[in-house]
Amino acid sequence: MAKKTFNPDSFDIDLKVSDVVERFPQLLENNYKKVSLNEELTKLNYEVVTPTYEDKKYSSINEYLKLDVDYIV
């Protein structure tokens, strides 16, 4: 039986900021013009991976809900 090669793409999970907010509703309380969303997510072992993400652009997390995030391993 042939060995399968490791494919990191087979572990990709599509996560959005909205998915993280469901698990951590306290994220709704921050003003993201004053607090970095990515820093808050990093504390929870996530990071924004959307290339167009601009830190501290919007105050409400609602503007960021569709951004892609990934687990920090």
N, C-alpha and C. Protein backbone atom coordinates (compact mmCIF):
# COMPACT_ATOMS: atom_id res chain seq x y z
N MET A 1 0.84 -1.17 0.00
CA MET A 1 0.00 0.00 0.00
C MET A 1 0.89 1.24 0.00
N ALA A 2 0.64 2.15 -0.92
CA ALA A 2 1.46 3.36 -1.06
C ALA A 2 1.11 4.37 0.04
N LYS A 3 2.15 5.05 0.52
CA LYS A 3 1.95 6.08 1.52
C LYS A 3 1.37 7.32 0.87
N LYS A 4 0.44 7.96 1.57
CA LYS A 4 -0.10 9.24 1.10
C LYS A 4 0.85 10.35 1.52
N THR A 5 1.05 11.30 0.65
CA THR A 5 1.87 12.45 1.02
C THR A 5 1.02 13.43 1.81
N PHE A 6 1.67 14.18 2.66
CA PHE A 6 0.97 15.15 3.49
C PHE A 6 0.48 16.31 2.62
N ASN A 7 -0.78 16.62 2.74
CA ASN A 7 -1.38 17.74 2.02
C ASN A 7 -1.99 18.70 3.03
N PRO A 8 -1.34 19.83 3.31
CA PRO A 8 -1.87 20.76 4.31
C PRO A 8 -3.23 21.33 3.94
N ASP A 9 -3.55 21.37 2.66
CA ASP A 9 -4.84 21.90 2.23
C ASP A 9 -6.01 21.01 2.66
N SER A 10 -5.74 19.76 2.94
CA SER A 10 -6.81 18.87 3.35
C SER A 10 -7.28 19.18 4.78
N PHE A 11 -6.54 20.04 5.47
CA PHE A 11 -6.92 20.42 6.82
C PHE A 11 -7.55 21.80 6.89
N ASP A 12 -7.71 22.46 5.76
CA ASP A 12 -8.28 23.80 5.75
C ASP A 12 -9.73 23.77 6.22
N ILE A 13 -10.04 24.69 7.08
CA ILE A 13 -11.40 24.85 7.59
C ILE A 13 -11.77 26.30 7.32
N ASP A 14 -12.90 26.50 6.69
CA ASP A 14 -13.34 27.87 6.41
C ASP A 14 -13.96 28.46 7.66
N LEU A 15 -13.23 29.38 8.26
CA LEU A 15 -13.73 30.09 9.44
C LEU A 15 -13.80 31.57 9.15
N LYS A 16 -14.81 32.19 9.66
CA LYS A 16 -15.00 33.64 9.54
C LYS A 16 -14.97 34.24 10.93
N VAL A 17 -14.80 35.54 10.98
CA VAL A 17 -14.86 36.24 12.26
C VAL A 17 -16.20 35.95 12.92
N SER A 18 -17.26 35.87 12.15
CA SER A 18 -18.59 35.59 12.72
C SER A 18 -18.62 34.26 13.47
N ASP A 19 -17.87 33.26 12.99
CA ASP A 19 -17.81 31.97 13.68
C ASP A 19 -17.13 32.10 15.04
N VAL A 20 -16.09 32.91 15.09
CA VAL A 20 -15.37 33.11 16.35
C VAL A 20 -16.24 33.90 17.33
N VAL A 21 -16.97 34.88 16.83
CA VAL A 21 -17.85 35.69 17.68
C VAL A 21 -18.93 34.82 18.32
N GLU A 22 -19.41 33.83 17.59
CA GLU A 22 -20.40 32.91 18.17
C GLU A 22 -19.84 32.19 19.39
N ARG A 23 -18.57 31.84 19.34
CA ARG A 23 -17.93 31.13 20.45
C ARG A 23 -17.48 32.08 21.56
N PHE A 24 -17.17 33.33 21.18
CA PHE A 24 -16.65 34.31 22.14
C PHE A 24 -17.42 35.63 22.00
N PRO A 25 -18.64 35.68 22.50
CA PRO A 25 -19.48 36.87 22.33
C PRO A 25 -18.92 38.15 22.97
N GLN A 26 -17.95 38.01 23.86
CA GLN A 26 -17.33 39.18 24.46
C GLN A 26 -16.62 40.05 23.41
N LEU A 27 -16.34 39.49 22.26
CA LEU A 27 -15.72 40.26 21.18
C LEU A 27 -16.63 41.37 20.67
N LEU A 28 -17.92 41.23 20.90
CA LEU A 28 -18.89 42.24 20.46
C LEU A 28 -18.77 43.54 21.25
N GLU A 29 -18.14 43.51 22.39
CA GLU A 29 -18.10 44.65 23.29
C GLU A 29 -17.02 45.68 22.97
N ASN A 30 -16.05 45.34 22.17
CA ASN A 30 -14.90 46.22 21.94
C ASN A 30 -15.16 47.26 20.84
N ASN A 31 -14.44 48.36 20.95
CA ASN A 31 -14.38 49.36 19.90
C ASN A 31 -13.11 49.07 19.11
N TYR A 32 -13.25 48.58 17.89
CA TYR A 32 -12.10 48.11 17.13
C TYR A 32 -11.36 49.22 16.39
N LYS A 33 -11.72 50.47 16.65
CA LYS A 33 -10.87 51.58 16.23
C LYS A 33 -9.82 51.84 17.30
N LYS A 34 -10.10 51.39 18.51
CA LYS A 34 -9.18 51.57 19.63
C LYS A 34 -8.41 50.30 19.97
N VAL A 35 -9.03 49.16 19.70
CA VAL A 35 -8.45 47.86 20.03
C VAL A 35 -8.26 47.08 18.74
N SER A 36 -7.14 46.42 18.62
CA SER A 36 -6.87 45.63 17.42
C SER A 36 -7.67 44.33 17.44
N LEU A 37 -8.47 44.13 16.41
CA LEU A 37 -9.23 42.89 16.30
C LEU A 37 -8.27 41.70 16.24
N ASN A 38 -7.22 41.82 15.47
CA ASN A 38 -6.29 40.70 15.33
C ASN A 38 -5.61 40.37 16.66
N GLU A 39 -5.29 41.37 17.46
CA GLU A 39 -4.69 41.11 18.77
C GLU A 39 -5.68 40.40 19.69
N GLU A 40 -6.94 40.81 19.63
CA GLU A 40 -7.97 40.14 20.44
C GLU A 40 -8.15 38.70 19.99
N LEU A 41 -8.14 38.47 18.70
CA LEU A 41 -8.27 37.10 18.19
C LEU A 41 -7.06 36.25 18.54
N THR A 42 -5.88 36.86 18.52
CA THR A 42 -4.66 36.13 18.86
C THR A 42 -4.72 35.61 20.29
N LYS A 43 -5.31 36.37 21.18
CA LYS A 43 -5.47 35.92 22.57
C LYS A 43 -6.32 34.66 22.66
N LEU A 44 -7.16 34.46 21.64
CA LEU A 44 -8.05 33.30 21.60
C LEU A 44 -7.54 32.21 20.64
N ASN A 45 -6.31 32.36 20.18
CA ASN A 45 -5.65 31.43 19.26
C ASN A 45 -6.23 31.43 17.85
N TYR A 46 -6.60 32.60 17.38
CA TYR A 46 -7.05 32.80 16.00
C TYR A 46 -6.28 33.97 15.42
N GLU A 47 -6.29 34.06 14.09
CA GLU A 47 -5.71 35.23 13.43
C GLU A 47 -6.47 35.51 12.15
N VAL A 48 -6.54 36.79 11.78
CA VAL A 48 -7.17 37.18 10.52
C VAL A 48 -6.21 36.82 9.40
N VAL A 49 -6.72 36.14 8.38
CA VAL A 49 -5.89 35.76 7.25
C VAL A 49 -6.34 36.40 5.93
N THR A 50 -7.37 37.20 5.98
CA THR A 50 -7.82 37.91 4.79
C THR A 50 -6.78 38.98 4.44
N PRO A 51 -6.23 38.96 3.24
CA PRO A 51 -5.16 39.91 2.88
C PRO A 51 -5.60 41.38 2.91
N THR A 52 -6.86 41.65 2.72
CA THR A 52 -7.34 43.04 2.66
C THR A 52 -7.70 43.61 4.04
N TYR A 53 -7.51 42.83 5.08
CA TYR A 53 -7.83 43.29 6.44
C TYR A 53 -7.02 44.53 6.80
N GLU A 54 -7.72 45.55 7.31
CA GLU A 54 -7.08 46.77 7.79
C GLU A 54 -7.40 46.93 9.26
N ASP A 55 -6.37 46.93 10.06
CA ASP A 55 -6.53 47.03 11.51
C ASP A 55 -7.05 48.41 11.91
N LYS A 56 -7.97 48.42 12.86
CA LYS A 56 -8.53 49.63 13.45
C LYS A 56 -9.22 50.55 12.44
N LYS A 57 -9.81 49.97 11.44
CA LYS A 57 -10.53 50.76 10.43
C LYS A 57 -11.97 51.04 10.85
N TYR A 58 -12.61 50.04 11.46
CA TYR A 58 -14.02 50.17 11.87
C TYR A 58 -14.13 50.00 13.37
N SER A 59 -15.11 50.65 13.96
CA SER A 59 -15.29 50.50 15.41
C SER A 59 -16.10 49.25 15.75
N SER A 60 -17.02 48.88 14.89
CA SER A 60 -17.88 47.73 15.15
C SER A 60 -17.33 46.46 14.53
N ILE A 61 -17.43 45.38 15.26
CA ILE A 61 -16.98 44.09 14.73
C ILE A 61 -17.88 43.62 13.58
N ASN A 62 -19.07 44.17 13.49
CA ASN A 62 -19.99 43.78 12.41
C ASN A 62 -19.39 44.02 11.03
N GLU A 63 -18.49 44.99 10.92
CA GLU A 63 -17.83 45.28 9.64
C GLU A 63 -16.78 44.24 9.29
N TYR A 64 -16.39 43.44 10.25
CA TYR A 64 -15.33 42.45 10.05
C TYR A 64 -15.84 41.00 9.99
N LEU A 65 -17.12 40.79 10.16
CA LEU A 65 -17.67 39.43 10.33
C LEU A 65 -17.35 38.48 9.18
N LYS A 66 -17.18 38.96 7.98
CA LYS A 66 -16.95 38.08 6.83
C LYS A 66 -15.47 37.80 6.55
N LEU A 67 -14.60 38.37 7.36
CA LEU A 67 -13.17 38.13 7.15
C LEU A 67 -12.81 36.69 7.51
N ASP A 68 -11.86 36.15 6.80
CA ASP A 68 -11.38 34.79 7.05
C ASP A 68 -10.42 34.79 8.23
N VAL A 69 -10.56 33.79 9.05
CA VAL A 69 -9.64 33.59 10.18
C VAL A 69 -9.14 32.16 10.16
N ASP A 70 -8.06 31.94 10.90
CA ASP A 70 -7.50 30.60 11.00
C ASP A 70 -7.06 30.39 12.43
N TYR A 71 -6.95 29.12 12.81
CA TYR A 71 -6.42 28.78 14.13
C TYR A 71 -4.92 29.06 14.17
N ILE A 72 -4.44 29.46 15.31
CA ILE A 72 -2.99 29.54 15.53
C ILE A 72 -2.61 28.24 16.22
N VAL A 73 -1.70 27.52 15.61
CA VAL A 73 -1.31 26.23 16.16
C VAL A 73 0.01 26.35 16.87
